[in-house]
Amino acid sequence: MIKASLFLLVALGILGVLGGFRLRKRKTRRLAAGSCPRCGRPRIGKGPCGCGAPIGKG
């Protein structure tokens, strides 16, 4: 019984670490796609950012 519970805990730990890596990759990809080049805030819509950065990409 102890071996089974230890195996389960180790497996859950490994899945948690791998899941954390997947979430980090997704988060950085999402922010890079629609973020302001000057301040890094997410951009919503087509208008300029509140910091005054131009509308163009990059």
PDB file of N, CA and C in Angstrom:
ATOM      1  N   MET A   1       0.823  -1.198   0.000  1.00  0.00           N
ATOM      2  CA  MET A   1       0.000   0.000   0.000  1.00  0.00           C
ATOM      3  C   MET A   1       0.869   1.265   0.000  1.00  0.00           C
ATOM      4  N   ILE A   2       1.950   1.251   0.746  1.00  0.00           N
ATOM      5  CA  ILE A   2       2.841   2.415   0.796  1.00  0.00           C
ATOM      6  C   ILE A   2       3.517   2.629  -0.554  1.00  0.00           C
ATOM      7  N   LYS A   3       3.906   1.541  -1.207  1.00  0.00           N
ATOM      8  CA  LYS A   3       4.553   1.655  -2.515  1.00  0.00           C
ATOM      9  C   LYS A   3       3.595   2.264  -3.539  1.00  0.00           C
ATOM     10  N   ALA A   4       2.357   1.864  -3.507  1.00  0.00           N
ATOM     11  CA  ALA A   4       1.379   2.387  -4.457  1.00  0.00           C
ATOM     12  C   ALA A   4       1.137   3.879  -4.225  1.00  0.00           C
ATOM     13  N   SER A   5       1.037   4.289  -2.977  1.00  0.00           N
ATOM     14  CA  SER A   5       0.807   5.709  -2.699  1.00  0.00           C
ATOM     15  C   SER A   5       2.027   6.544  -3.065  1.00  0.00           C
ATOM     16  N   LEU A   6       3.232   6.030  -2.826  1.00  0.00           N
ATOM     17  CA  LEU A   6       4.440   6.754  -3.219  1.00  0.00           C
ATOM     18  C   LEU A   6       4.525   6.880  -4.739  1.00  0.00           C
ATOM     19  N   PHE A   7       4.185   5.811  -5.450  1.00  0.00           N
ATOM     20  CA  PHE A   7       4.195   5.854  -6.907  1.00  0.00           C
ATOM     21  C   PHE A   7       3.207   6.900  -7.416  1.00  0.00           C
ATOM     22  N   LEU A   8       2.030   6.948  -6.817  1.00  0.00           N
ATOM     23  CA  LEU A   8       1.025   7.930  -7.211  1.00  0.00           C
ATOM     24  C   LEU A   8       1.517   9.351  -6.963  1.00  0.00           C
ATOM     25  N   LEU A   9       2.131   9.601  -5.827  1.00  0.00           N
ATOM     26  CA  LEU A   9       2.644  10.934  -5.526  1.00  0.00           C
ATOM     27  C   LEU A   9       3.750  11.354  -6.483  1.00  0.00           C
ATOM     28  N   VAL A  10       4.641  10.429  -6.818  1.00  0.00           N
ATOM     29  CA  VAL A  10       5.720  10.735  -7.762  1.00  0.00           C
ATOM     30  C   VAL A  10       5.140  11.025  -9.148  1.00  0.00           C
ATOM     31  N   ALA A  11       4.174  10.221  -9.585  1.00  0.00           N
ATOM     32  CA  ALA A  11       3.552  10.432 -10.893  1.00  0.00           C
ATOM     33  C   ALA A  11       2.834  11.783 -10.938  1.00  0.00           C
ATOM     34  N   LEU A  12       2.134  12.144  -9.890  1.00  0.00           N
ATOM     35  CA  LEU A  12       1.457  13.443  -9.845  1.00  0.00           C
ATOM     36  C   LEU A  12       2.463  14.592  -9.845  1.00  0.00           C
ATOM     37  N   GLY A  13       3.569  14.424  -9.167  1.00  0.00           N
ATOM     38  CA  GLY A  13       4.612  15.449  -9.166  1.00  0.00           C
ATOM     39  C   GLY A  13       5.194  15.670 -10.553  1.00  0.00           C
ATOM     40  N   ILE A  14       5.452  14.570 -11.259  1.00  0.00           N
ATOM     41  CA  ILE A  14       5.995  14.679 -12.618  1.00  0.00           C
ATOM     42  C   ILE A  14       4.985  15.363 -13.539  1.00  0.00           C
ATOM     43  N   LEU A  15       3.724  14.977 -13.446  1.00  0.00           N
ATOM     44  CA  LEU A  15       2.696  15.610 -14.267  1.00  0.00           C
ATOM     45  C   LEU A  15       2.546  17.097 -13.938  1.00  0.00           C
ATOM     46  N   GLY A  16       2.691  17.447 -12.699  1.00  0.00           N
ATOM     47  CA  GLY A  16       2.607  18.850 -12.309  1.00  0.00           C
ATOM     48  C   GLY A  16       3.740  19.679 -12.880  1.00  0.00           C
ATOM     49  N   VAL A  17       4.941  19.135 -12.868  1.00  0.00           N
ATOM     50  CA  VAL A  17       6.090  19.851 -13.431  1.00  0.00           C
ATOM     51  C   VAL A  17       5.924  20.015 -14.933  1.00  0.00           C
ATOM     52  N   LEU A  18       5.543  18.958 -15.617  1.00  0.00           N
ATOM     53  CA  LEU A  18       5.352  19.038 -17.063  1.00  0.00           C
ATOM     54  C   LEU A  18       4.199  19.965 -17.420  1.00  0.00           C
ATOM     55  N   GLY A  19       3.145  19.961 -16.652  1.00  0.00           N
ATOM     56  CA  GLY A  19       2.024  20.855 -16.893  1.00  0.00           C
ATOM     57  C   GLY A  19       2.416  22.312 -16.702  1.00  0.00           C
ATOM     58  N   GLY A  20       3.289  22.584 -15.743  1.00  0.00           N
ATOM     59  CA  GLY A  20       3.775  23.945 -15.530  1.00  0.00           C
ATOM     60  C   GLY A  20       4.556  24.457 -16.725  1.00  0.00           C
ATOM     61  N   PHE A  21       5.357  23.603 -17.330  1.00  0.00           N
ATOM     62  CA  PHE A  21       6.105  24.004 -18.521  1.00  0.00           C
ATOM     63  C   PHE A  21       5.155  24.314 -19.667  1.00  0.00           C
ATOM     64  N   ARG A  22       4.116  23.507 -19.828  1.00  0.00           N
ATOM     65  CA  ARG A  22       3.160  23.740 -20.916  1.00  0.00           C
ATOM     66  C   ARG A  22       2.432  25.059 -20.722  1.00  0.00           C
ATOM     67  N   LEU A  23       2.048  25.380 -19.487  1.00  0.00           N
ATOM     68  CA  LEU A  23       1.325  26.620 -19.239  1.00  0.00           C
ATOM     69  C   LEU A  23       2.212  27.836 -19.477  1.00  0.00           C
ATOM     70  N   ARG A  24       3.486  27.753 -19.117  1.00  0.00           N
ATOM     71  CA  ARG A  24       4.391  28.874 -19.357  1.00  0.00           C
ATOM     72  C   ARG A  24       4.546  29.146 -20.838  1.00  0.00           C
ATOM     73  N   LYS A  25       4.676  28.097 -21.638  1.00  0.00           N
ATOM     74  CA  LYS A  25       4.824  28.289 -23.080  1.00  0.00           C
ATOM     75  C   LYS A  25       3.580  28.929 -23.670  1.00  0.00           C
ATOM     76  N   ARG A  26       2.412  28.479 -23.248  1.00  0.00           N
ATOM     77  CA  ARG A  26       1.172  29.033 -23.743  1.00  0.00           C
ATOM     78  C   ARG A  26       1.020  30.499 -23.360  1.00  0.00           C
ATOM     79  N   LYS A  27       1.381  30.827 -22.153  1.00  0.00           N
ATOM     80  CA  LYS A  27       1.236  32.182 -21.660  1.00  0.00           C
ATOM     81  C   LYS A  27       2.137  33.144 -22.427  1.00  0.00           C
ATOM     82  N   THR A  28       3.397  32.779 -22.647  1.00  0.00           N
ATOM     83  CA  THR A  28       4.304  33.670 -23.356  1.00  0.00           C
ATOM     84  C   THR A  28       3.888  33.832 -24.806  1.00  0.00           C
ATOM     85  N   ARG A  29       3.398  32.778 -25.415  1.00  0.00           N
ATOM     86  CA  ARG A  29       2.958  32.867 -26.802  1.00  0.00           C
ATOM     87  C   ARG A  29       1.756  33.800 -26.918  1.00  0.00           C
ATOM     88  N   ARG A  30       0.834  33.699 -25.978  1.00  0.00           N
ATOM     89  CA  ARG A  30      -0.361  34.529 -26.015  1.00  0.00           C
ATOM     90  C   ARG A  30      -0.013  35.996 -25.805  1.00  0.00           C
ATOM     91  N   LEU A  31       0.864  36.295 -24.867  1.00  0.00           N
ATOM     92  CA  LEU A  31       1.210  37.681 -24.590  1.00  0.00           C
ATOM     93  C   LEU A  31       2.020  38.300 -25.718  1.00  0.00           C
ATOM     94  N   ALA A  32       2.867  37.528 -26.366  1.00  0.00           N
ATOM     95  CA  ALA A  32       3.683  38.069 -27.445  1.00  0.00           C
ATOM     96  C   ALA A  32       2.831  38.440 -28.640  1.00  0.00           C
ATOM     97  N   ALA A  33       1.725  37.751 -28.847  1.00  0.00           N
ATOM     98  CA  ALA A  33       0.909  37.974 -30.031  1.00  0.00           C
ATOM     99  C   ALA A  33       0.153  39.302 -29.959  1.00  0.00           C
ATOM    100  N   GLY A  34      -0.384  39.673 -28.819  1.00  0.00           N
ATOM    101  CA  GLY A  34      -1.207  40.872 -28.750  1.00  0.00           C
ATOM    102  C   GLY A  34      -0.809  41.813 -27.648  1.00  0.00           C
ATOM    103  N   SER A  35       0.472  42.060 -27.471  1.00  0.00           N
ATOM    104  CA  SER A  35       0.894  42.940 -26.397  1.00  0.00           C
ATOM    105  C   SER A  35       1.509  44.213 -26.968  1.00  0.00           C
ATOM    106  N   CYS A  36       1.515  45.226 -26.165  1.00  0.00           N
ATOM    107  CA  CYS A  36       2.078  46.516 -26.556  1.00  0.00           C
ATOM    108  C   CYS A  36       3.608  46.402 -26.604  1.00  0.00           C
ATOM    109  N   PRO A  37       4.236  46.917 -27.654  1.00  0.00           N
ATOM    110  CA  PRO A  37       5.696  46.816 -27.724  1.00  0.00           C
ATOM    111  C   PRO A  37       6.409  47.693 -26.697  1.00  0.00           C
ATOM    112  N   ARG A  38       5.763  48.749 -26.225  1.00  0.00           N
ATOM    113  CA  ARG A  38       6.412  49.656 -25.288  1.00  0.00           C
ATOM    114  C   ARG A  38       6.253  49.217 -23.830  1.00  0.00           C
ATOM    115  N   CYS A  39       4.996  48.956 -23.410  1.00  0.00           N
ATOM    116  CA  CYS A  39       4.771  48.664 -21.988  1.00  0.00           C
ATOM    117  C   CYS A  39       4.479  47.200 -21.708  1.00  0.00           C
ATOM    118  N   GLY A  40       4.119  46.396 -22.732  1.00  0.00           N
ATOM    119  CA  GLY A  40       3.898  44.971 -22.548  1.00  0.00           C
ATOM    120  C   GLY A  40       2.491  44.589 -22.140  1.00  0.00           C
ATOM    121  N   ARG A  41       1.607  45.565 -21.982  1.00  0.00           N
ATOM    122  CA  ARG A  41       0.225  45.248 -21.616  1.00  0.00           C
ATOM    123  C   ARG A  41      -0.498  44.600 -22.794  1.00  0.00           C
ATOM    124  N   PRO A  42      -1.457  43.716 -22.526  1.00  0.00           N
ATOM    125  CA  PRO A  42      -2.230  43.120 -23.618  1.00  0.00           C
ATOM    126  C   PRO A  42      -3.057  44.189 -24.333  1.00  0.00           C
ATOM    127  N   ARG A  43      -3.083  44.087 -25.654  1.00  0.00           N
ATOM    128  CA  ARG A  43      -3.853  45.039 -26.445  1.00  0.00           C
ATOM    129  C   ARG A  43      -5.209  44.434 -26.779  1.00  0.00           C
ATOM    130  N   ILE A  44      -6.253  45.230 -26.604  1.00  0.00           N
ATOM    131  CA  ILE A  44      -7.612  44.795 -26.908  1.00  0.00           C
ATOM    132  C   ILE A  44      -8.152  45.737 -27.974  1.00  0.00           C
ATOM    133  N   GLY A  45      -8.542  45.177 -29.088  1.00  0.00           N
ATOM    134  CA  GLY A  45      -9.065  45.990 -30.181  1.00  0.00           C
ATOM    135  C   GLY A  45      -7.950  46.503 -31.081  1.00  0.00           C
ATOM    136  N   LYS A  46      -8.304  47.463 -31.944  1.00  0.00           N
ATOM    137  CA  LYS A  46      -7.353  47.964 -32.928  1.00  0.00           C
ATOM    138  C   LYS A  46      -6.772  49.320 -32.563  1.00  0.00           C
ATOM    139  N   GLY A  47      -7.255  49.939 -31.528  1.00  0.00           N
ATOM    140  CA  GLY A  47      -6.808  51.278 -31.152  1.00  0.00           C
ATOM    141  C   GLY A  47      -5.438  51.263 -30.496  1.00  0.00           C
ATOM    142  N   PRO A  48      -4.896  52.453 -30.251  1.00  0.00           N
ATOM    143  CA  PRO A  48      -3.573  52.549 -29.617  1.00  0.00           C
ATOM    144  C   PRO A  48      -3.640  52.163 -28.135  1.00  0.00           C
ATOM    145  N   CYS A  49      -2.505  51.861 -27.591  1.00  0.00           N
ATOM    146  CA  CYS A  49      -2.399  51.513 -26.172  1.00  0.00           C
ATOM    147  C   CYS A  49      -2.536  52.769 -25.323  1.00  0.00           C
ATOM    148  N   GLY A  50      -2.848  52.600 -24.070  1.00  0.00           N
ATOM    149  CA  GLY A  50      -2.985  53.732 -23.172  1.00  0.00           C
ATOM    150  C   GLY A  50      -1.685  54.460 -22.902  1.00  0.00           C
ATOM    151  N   CYS A  51      -0.547  53.806 -23.138  1.00  0.00           N
ATOM    152  CA  CYS A  51       0.745  54.449 -22.886  1.00  0.00           C
ATOM    153  C   CYS A  51       1.153  55.362 -24.034  1.00  0.00           C
ATOM    154  N   GLY A  52       0.408  55.328 -25.155  1.00  0.00           N
ATOM    155  CA  GLY A  52       0.710  56.211 -26.265  1.00  0.00           C
ATOM    156  C   GLY A  52       1.553  55.567 -27.351  1.00  0.00           C
ATOM    157  N   ALA A  53       1.747  54.276 -27.300  1.00  0.00           N
ATOM    158  CA  ALA A  53       2.517  53.587 -28.338  1.00  0.00           C
ATOM    159  C   ALA A  53       1.739  53.623 -29.654  1.00  0.00           C
ATOM    160  N   PRO A  54       2.441  53.649 -30.788  1.00  0.00           N
ATOM    161  CA  PRO A  54       1.752  53.686 -32.080  1.00  0.00           C
ATOM    162  C   PRO A  54       0.956  52.424 -32.344  1.00  0.00           C
ATOM    163  N   ILE A  55       0.023  52.493 -33.301  1.00  0.00           N
ATOM    164  CA  ILE A  55      -0.857  51.387 -33.599  1.00  0.00           C
ATOM    165  C   ILE A  55      -0.145  50.270 -34.352  1.00  0.00           C
ATOM    166  N   GLY A  56       0.866  50.557 -35.145  1.00  0.00           N
ATOM    167  CA  GLY A  56       1.534  49.552 -35.981  1.00  0.00           C
ATOM    168  C   GLY A  56       2.135  48.431 -35.177  1.00  0.00           C
ATOM    169  N   LYS A  57       2.337  47.291 -35.851  1.00  0.00           N
ATOM    170  CA  LYS A  57       2.926  46.129 -35.178  1.00  0.00           C
ATOM    171  C   LYS A  57       4.421  46.348 -35.027  1.00  0.00           C
ATOM    172  N   GLY A  58       4.943  45.970 -33.844  1.00  0.00           N
ATOM    173  CA  GLY A  58       6.378  45.997 -33.630  1.00  0.00           C
ATOM    174  C   GLY A  58       6.810  47.231 -33.034  1.00  0.00           C
TER     175      GLY A  58
END
